[in-house]
Structures are given as structure tokens and as C-alpha cells.
Protein backbone atom coordinates (compact mmCIF):
# COMPACT_ATOMS: atom_id res chain seq x y z
CA THR A 1 10.51 -15.28 2.58
CA ALA A 2 6.79 -15.35 3.35
CA LEU A 3 4.60 -14.10 6.15
CA SER A 4 1.03 -15.31 6.44
CA SER A 5 -1.44 -13.95 8.94
CA ALA A 6 -4.52 -11.81 9.22
CA VAL A 7 -3.81 -8.17 9.94
CA SER A 8 -6.45 -6.24 11.86
CA PRO A 9 -8.06 -3.54 9.72
CA LYS A 10 -8.51 -1.25 12.73
CA ILE A 11 -4.98 -1.23 14.17
CA PRO A 12 -1.94 0.07 12.26
CA VAL A 13 0.63 -2.70 11.88
CA PHE A 14 4.27 -1.95 11.12
CA ILE A 15 6.60 -4.80 10.27
CA CYS A 16 10.21 -3.87 10.92
CA THR A 17 12.73 -5.64 8.76
CA GLY A 18 14.84 -4.86 5.73
CA TYR A 19 12.88 -4.27 2.55
CA ASP A 20 15.10 -3.91 -0.47
CA ASN A 21 14.61 -4.00 -4.21
CA LYS A 22 13.17 -7.48 -4.25
CA GLU A 23 9.59 -8.11 -5.27
CA HIS A 24 7.01 -7.90 -2.47
CA ASP A 25 3.70 -9.67 -3.11
CA LEU A 26 0.82 -8.84 -0.78
CA GLN A 27 -2.45 -10.75 -0.79
CA GLY A 28 -5.50 -9.68 1.11
CA ARG A 29 -9.21 -9.05 1.15
CA THR A 30 -11.15 -5.84 1.47
CA ASN A 31 -13.83 -5.57 4.13
CA PRO A 32 -17.23 -6.53 2.64
CA ASP A 33 -18.80 -3.53 4.40
CA CYS A 34 -16.08 -1.05 3.46
CA CYS A 35 -18.34 1.02 1.25
CA TRP A 36 -20.90 1.44 3.99
CA SER A 37 -18.61 2.06 6.94
CA HIS A 38 -16.81 5.17 8.12
CA GLN A 39 -13.53 3.80 6.76
CA ILE A 40 -13.59 3.30 3.02
CA TRP A 41 -9.93 2.93 2.15
CA PHE A 42 -6.82 1.02 3.13
CA VAL A 43 -3.12 1.78 3.17
CA VAL A 44 0.19 0.04 2.51
CA ASP A 45 3.20 2.13 3.57
CA ILE A 46 6.90 1.44 2.91
CA GLY A 47 9.54 3.63 4.50
CA GLU A 48 12.08 4.23 7.23
CA SER A 49 9.56 4.94 10.01
CA GLU A 50 5.97 6.11 10.53
CA ASP A 51 7.32 9.65 10.04
CA ARG A 52 9.33 8.90 6.88
CA ILE A 53 7.18 7.09 4.35
CA ALA A 54 8.74 6.63 0.92
CA PHE A 55 5.67 4.97 -0.64
CA HIS A 56 2.10 5.47 0.59
CA PHE A 57 -0.32 3.27 -1.40
CA ASN A 58 -3.93 4.21 -0.64
CA PRO A 59 -6.86 2.70 -2.60
CA ARG A 60 -9.96 4.80 -1.87
CA PHE A 61 -13.47 3.55 -2.52
CA ASP A 62 -15.04 6.89 -1.59
CA ASP A 63 -13.68 9.58 0.72
CA SER A 64 -15.84 12.50 -0.49
CA ARG A 65 -12.98 13.73 -2.72
CA HIS A 66 -12.11 10.54 -4.59
CA ILE A 67 -14.17 7.56 -5.75
CA ASN A 68 -12.49 4.30 -6.81
CA ILE A 69 -9.01 5.69 -7.23
CA ILE A 70 -5.56 4.84 -5.88
CA VAL A 71 -3.73 7.74 -4.24
CA CYS A 72 0.05 7.43 -3.85
CA ASN A 73 2.31 9.80 -1.97
CA SER A 74 5.33 10.10 0.32
CA PHE A 75 5.66 11.72 3.73
CA GLU A 76 8.69 13.25 5.44
CA GLY A 77 9.51 16.25 7.56
CA GLY A 78 5.92 16.33 8.81
CA ASN A 79 4.57 16.99 5.31
CA TRP A 80 2.88 15.05 2.55
CA HIS A 81 4.30 15.58 -0.93
CA GLN A 82 2.35 15.87 -4.17
CA GLU A 83 -0.21 13.09 -4.64
CA GLN A 84 -0.19 10.84 -7.67
CA TYR A 85 -3.49 9.29 -8.82
CA GLU A 86 -3.98 5.94 -10.50
CA LYS A 87 -7.34 5.24 -12.12
CA SER A 88 -6.94 1.49 -12.46
CA PHE A 89 -8.94 0.19 -9.48
CA PRO A 90 -9.27 -3.62 -9.28
CA PHE A 91 -10.65 -3.57 -5.71
CA SER A 92 -14.20 -4.53 -4.70
CA PRO A 93 -15.82 -4.83 -1.26
CA GLY A 94 -15.18 -8.26 0.26
CA LYS A 95 -13.00 -9.46 -2.62
CA GLU A 96 -9.47 -10.87 -2.63
CA PHE A 97 -6.67 -8.79 -4.15
CA LYS A 98 -2.97 -9.06 -4.91
CA ILE A 99 -0.48 -6.19 -5.03
CA SER A 100 3.10 -6.68 -6.22
CA ILE A 101 5.59 -3.93 -5.31
CA GLN A 102 9.17 -3.81 -6.56
CA PHE A 103 11.49 -0.86 -6.11
CA THR A 104 14.86 0.61 -6.94
CA CYS A 105 16.49 3.80 -5.68
CA SER A 106 14.58 5.71 -8.38
CA GLU A 107 11.05 4.24 -8.41
CA PHE A 108 8.43 1.87 -7.05
CA VAL A 109 6.79 -0.38 -9.65
CA VAL A 110 3.33 -1.64 -8.68
CA THR A 111 1.41 -4.42 -10.40
CA LEU A 112 -2.24 -4.89 -9.45
CA SER A 113 -4.57 -7.91 -9.54
CA ASN A 114 -5.93 -6.92 -12.95
CA GLY A 115 -2.42 -6.87 -14.46
CA SER A 116 -2.16 -3.08 -14.68
CA THR A 117 1.20 -1.59 -13.72
CA PHE A 118 2.25 1.89 -12.67
CA CYS A 119 5.36 3.61 -11.32
CA PHE A 120 5.79 6.02 -8.43
CA PRO A 121 9.03 7.94 -7.83
CA ASN A 122 11.21 6.82 -4.92
CA ARG A 123 11.51 10.36 -3.59
CA MET A 124 13.77 9.35 -0.70
CA GLY A 125 16.09 7.48 -3.04
CA ALA A 126 16.96 4.64 -0.67
CA GLU A 127 17.60 1.11 -1.89
CA LYS A 128 16.39 -0.42 1.38
CA TYR A 129 13.59 0.46 3.83
CA SER A 130 13.01 -0.92 7.30
CA VAL A 131 9.23 -0.60 7.74
CA MET A 132 6.17 -1.86 5.91
CA GLY A 133 2.85 -0.78 7.44
CA PHE A 134 -0.83 -1.60 6.90
CA HIS A 135 -4.06 -0.10 8.14
CA GLY A 136 -7.57 0.61 7.01
CA ASP A 137 -10.41 -1.46 5.67
CA ALA A 138 -8.60 -4.58 4.45
CA VAL A 139 -7.01 -7.69 5.86
CA ILE A 140 -3.54 -8.59 4.59
CA ARG A 141 -3.41 -12.40 4.46
CA SER A 142 0.14 -12.92 3.26
CA ILE A 143 3.34 -11.15 2.29
CA GLU A 144 5.88 -12.90 0.10
CA ILE A 145 9.31 -11.41 -0.52
CA LYS A 146 10.91 -12.90 -3.63
């Protein structure tokens, strides 16, 4: 299954469908001005709703606390959990990127454009999620579910 379209970087987009332990490939492009604008990050969320996010993937170019780092987390019950930091950062302003996300009931496995891979715990433990969301300073051009 594939979805191809440009997603607005200014408006949160939530795609509601079943996301299970298949591989999800996302291709996009960061905003060329992202390092000089007020918004210098983007987000990919996978979860049950906007209030129950199992996997929050947040590359940050510079947010005054982090420079060129990926912050991952989960959100439920109105609270963020403990952040996990990934130093591999293959993102550049205005450049294309690819993110591959595969998950089981125990973890999310992420492969980045530069071939680096990391795991993040599936803290909610579900095998299927109904929402994938995007917002921030990037345009998602396609989503392929394998």
C-alpha cells in the first residue's frame, strides 16, 4: 500500500488506518529554511490517538536544548515518558530523507537514510495502531506500507 502526497509542514496531519507490524517507509524533504525559522524540527507520531502516542519520532536541528539529534518518546495519560536520544542525524535543510519504521509489540525499529538503525521500546505494547501523524518543518512525499 502506498500513499503519495505533499503534507503541509504547518498543519498537523493524522492518517487514520490500521498500522501493524509491517514496514512503513516514509520519504520526504526538510524545509530549506528550517534552520532559520521559528520551527526547526519535525515529528512523525504513531499511536492510538493524538492523546496516546506510542512512538514520537522528533528530529531536532536546534531547539535551544538539542542540536542535530533525534528525540524519541511516547505520550499517554497527559504525560510524556522518558526521552530517548539518537545521535545519528542524516537530515539537512532542504534535503530528501527516508525513514523506515517497523514494529512489534515490544519495540519500534527505525532505519534512517544513512543506514543507521536504532530501537525504541513499544511502551504501549500494541501490535496495531490506528493513527500516524506528521507535523513540523518537513514535507512527507510518500508513505509505503510493505
